[in-house]
C-alpha atoms as a PDB file:
ATOM      1  CA  MET A   1     -12.564   6.759  28.570  1.00  0.00           C
ATOM      2  CA  ILE A   2     -11.340  10.325  28.121  1.00  0.00           C
ATOM      3  CA  GLY A   3     -12.329  12.718  25.346  1.00  0.00           C
ATOM      4  CA  SER A   4     -13.386  11.380  21.969  1.00  0.00           C
ATOM      5  CA  ALA A   5     -11.330   8.184  21.970  1.00  0.00           C
ATOM      6  CA  LEU A   6     -12.983   5.320  20.093  1.00  0.00           C
ATOM      7  CA  THR A   7     -13.391   1.847  21.459  1.00  0.00           C
ATOM      8  CA  GLU A   8     -11.642  -0.940  19.564  1.00  0.00           C
ATOM      9  CA  SER A   9     -14.888  -2.119  17.931  1.00  0.00           C
ATOM     10  CA  GLU A  10     -15.809   1.435  16.873  1.00  0.00           C
ATOM     11  CA  SER A  11     -12.349   1.909  15.403  1.00  0.00           C
ATOM     12  CA  ASN A  12     -12.514  -1.380  13.478  1.00  0.00           C
ATOM     13  CA  SER A  13     -15.971  -0.631  12.078  1.00  0.00           C
ATOM     14  CA  SER A  14     -14.862   2.798  10.833  1.00  0.00           C
ATOM     15  CA  ARG A  15     -11.911   1.182   9.034  1.00  0.00           C
ATOM     16  CA  CYS A  16     -14.224  -1.309   7.337  1.00  0.00           C
ATOM     17  CA  ASN A  17     -16.334   1.524   5.910  1.00  0.00           C
ATOM     18  CA  MET A  18     -13.373   3.295   4.318  1.00  0.00           C
ATOM     19  CA  LYS A  19     -13.291   3.385   0.538  1.00  0.00           C
ATOM     20  CA  LYS A  20     -10.229   2.143  -1.279  1.00  0.00           C
ATOM     21  CA  LYS A  21      -7.925   4.952  -2.341  1.00  0.00           C
ATOM     22  CA  TYR A  22      -5.568   2.964  -4.580  1.00  0.00           C
ATOM     23  CA  LYS A  23      -5.783   0.213  -7.163  1.00  0.00           C
ATOM     24  CA  VAL A  24      -3.202  -2.101  -8.697  1.00  0.00           C
ATOM     25  CA  GLY A  25      -1.178  -0.451 -11.436  1.00  0.00           C
ATOM     26  CA  LYS A  26       1.604  -1.764 -13.668  1.00  0.00           C
ATOM     27  CA  PRO A  27       4.290  -4.061 -12.251  1.00  0.00           C
ATOM     28  CA  ILE A  28       7.410  -2.318 -10.993  1.00  0.00           C
ATOM     29  CA  GLU A  29      10.414  -3.336 -13.084  1.00  0.00           C
ATOM     30  CA  SER A  30      13.420  -1.572 -11.504  1.00  0.00           C
ATOM     31  CA  PHE A  31      14.782  -0.196  -8.247  1.00  0.00           C
ATOM     32  CA  GLU A  32      14.597   3.337  -9.631  1.00  0.00           C
ATOM     33  CA  GLU A  33      10.934   2.883 -10.443  1.00  0.00           C
ATOM     34  CA  LEU A  34      10.264   1.372  -7.006  1.00  0.00           C
ATOM     35  CA  LEU A  35      11.985   4.154  -5.098  1.00  0.00           C
ATOM     36  CA  SER A  36      10.218   6.868  -7.110  1.00  0.00           C
ATOM     37  CA  GLN A  37       6.811   5.699  -5.863  1.00  0.00           C
ATOM     38  CA  GLN A  38       4.999   7.139  -2.862  1.00  0.00           C
ATOM     39  CA  PHE A  39       2.734   4.088  -2.468  1.00  0.00           C
ATOM     40  CA  VAL A  40       3.171   0.553  -3.783  1.00  0.00           C
ATOM     41  CA  PHE A  41       0.676  -2.279  -4.058  1.00  0.00           C
ATOM     42  CA  PHE A  42       1.180  -5.828  -2.827  1.00  0.00           C
ATOM     43  CA  PRO A  43      -1.649  -7.882  -4.396  1.00  0.00           C
ATOM     44  CA  ASP A  44      -1.163 -10.746  -1.959  1.00  0.00           C
ATOM     45  CA  ARG A  45      -1.905  -8.308   0.883  1.00  0.00           C
ATOM     46  CA  GLY A  46      -4.740  -6.653  -1.030  1.00  0.00           C
ATOM     47  CA  ARG A  47      -3.771  -3.112  -0.179  1.00  0.00           C
ATOM     48  CA  ALA A  48      -1.423  -0.273  -0.905  1.00  0.00           C
ATOM     49  CA  LYS A  49       1.482   0.405   1.421  1.00  0.00           C
ATOM     50  CA  HIS A  50       3.637   3.487   1.843  1.00  0.00           C
ATOM     51  CA  ILE A  51       7.058   3.259   0.182  1.00  0.00           C
ATOM     52  CA  GLU A  52       8.737   3.272   3.610  1.00  0.00           C
ATOM     53  CA  VAL A  53       7.413  -0.268   4.113  1.00  0.00           C
ATOM     54  CA  ALA A  54       9.387  -1.393   1.066  1.00  0.00           C
ATOM     55  CA  LYS A  55      12.449   0.681   2.005  1.00  0.00           C
ATOM     56  CA  SER A  56      12.655  -1.068   5.372  1.00  0.00           C
ATOM     57  CA  GLN A  57      13.245  -4.408   3.618  1.00  0.00           C
ATOM     58  CA  THR A  58      16.581  -5.802   2.507  1.00  0.00           C
ATOM     59  CA  ILE A  59      17.846  -5.107  -0.995  1.00  0.00           C
ATOM     60  CA  ARG A  60      17.581  -8.835  -1.764  1.00  0.00           C
ATOM     61  CA  THR A  61      13.909  -8.878  -0.756  1.00  0.00           C
ATOM     62  CA  MET A  62      13.140  -5.864  -2.931  1.00  0.00           C
ATOM     63  CA  TYR A  63      15.083  -7.449  -5.807  1.00  0.00           C
ATOM     64  CA  LEU A  64      13.018 -10.647  -5.512  1.00  0.00           C
ATOM     65  CA  TRP A  65       9.752  -8.678  -5.415  1.00  0.00           C
ATOM     66  CA  ILE A  66      10.721  -6.927  -8.649  1.00  0.00           C
ATOM     67  CA  LYS A  67      12.137 -10.039 -10.337  1.00  0.00           C
ATOM     68  CA  ASN A  68       9.076 -12.157  -9.494  1.00  0.00           C
ATOM     69  CA  GLY A  69       6.524  -9.441 -10.326  1.00  0.00           C
ATOM     70  CA  MET A  70       5.229  -9.255  -6.758  1.00  0.00           C
ATOM     71  CA  ILE A  71       5.085  -5.460  -6.379  1.00  0.00           C
ATOM     72  CA  TYR A  72       3.046  -2.971  -8.398  1.00  0.00           C
ATOM     73  CA  LYS A  73       2.513   0.739  -8.722  1.00  0.00           C
ATOM     74  CA  ALA A  74      -0.400   1.952  -6.614  1.00  0.00           C
ATOM     75  CA  GLU A  75      -2.666   4.135  -8.734  1.00  0.00           C
ATOM     76  CA  ARG A  76      -4.861   6.625  -6.903  1.00  0.00           C
ATOM     77  CA  ILE A  77      -8.605   6.119  -7.393  1.00  0.00           C
ATOM     78  CA  ASP A  78     -10.509   9.328  -8.061  1.00  0.00           C
ATOM     79  CA  ASN A  79     -13.729   9.064  -6.014  1.00  0.00           C
ATOM     80  CA  ASP A  80     -15.026  12.458  -7.148  1.00  0.00           C
ATOM     81  CA  LYS A  81     -17.968  11.953  -9.473  1.00  0.00           C
END
């Protein structure tokens, strides 16, 4: 191994210790609202995803997500106390 590269198990354990940065917000109700977001939340996946993940889908898929209430705004969690 060269430099400071992590092994796969070290990398996985560091990911598990990460705090959540986003929580589920209000449902997205339009394409305009969807495309204005930087991150969106898919509750079935349990995590926030960058908007580019949604943009890479077909228009029909995005329409169904919105229509069926399957995509939400991702609200940033403020961890500063």
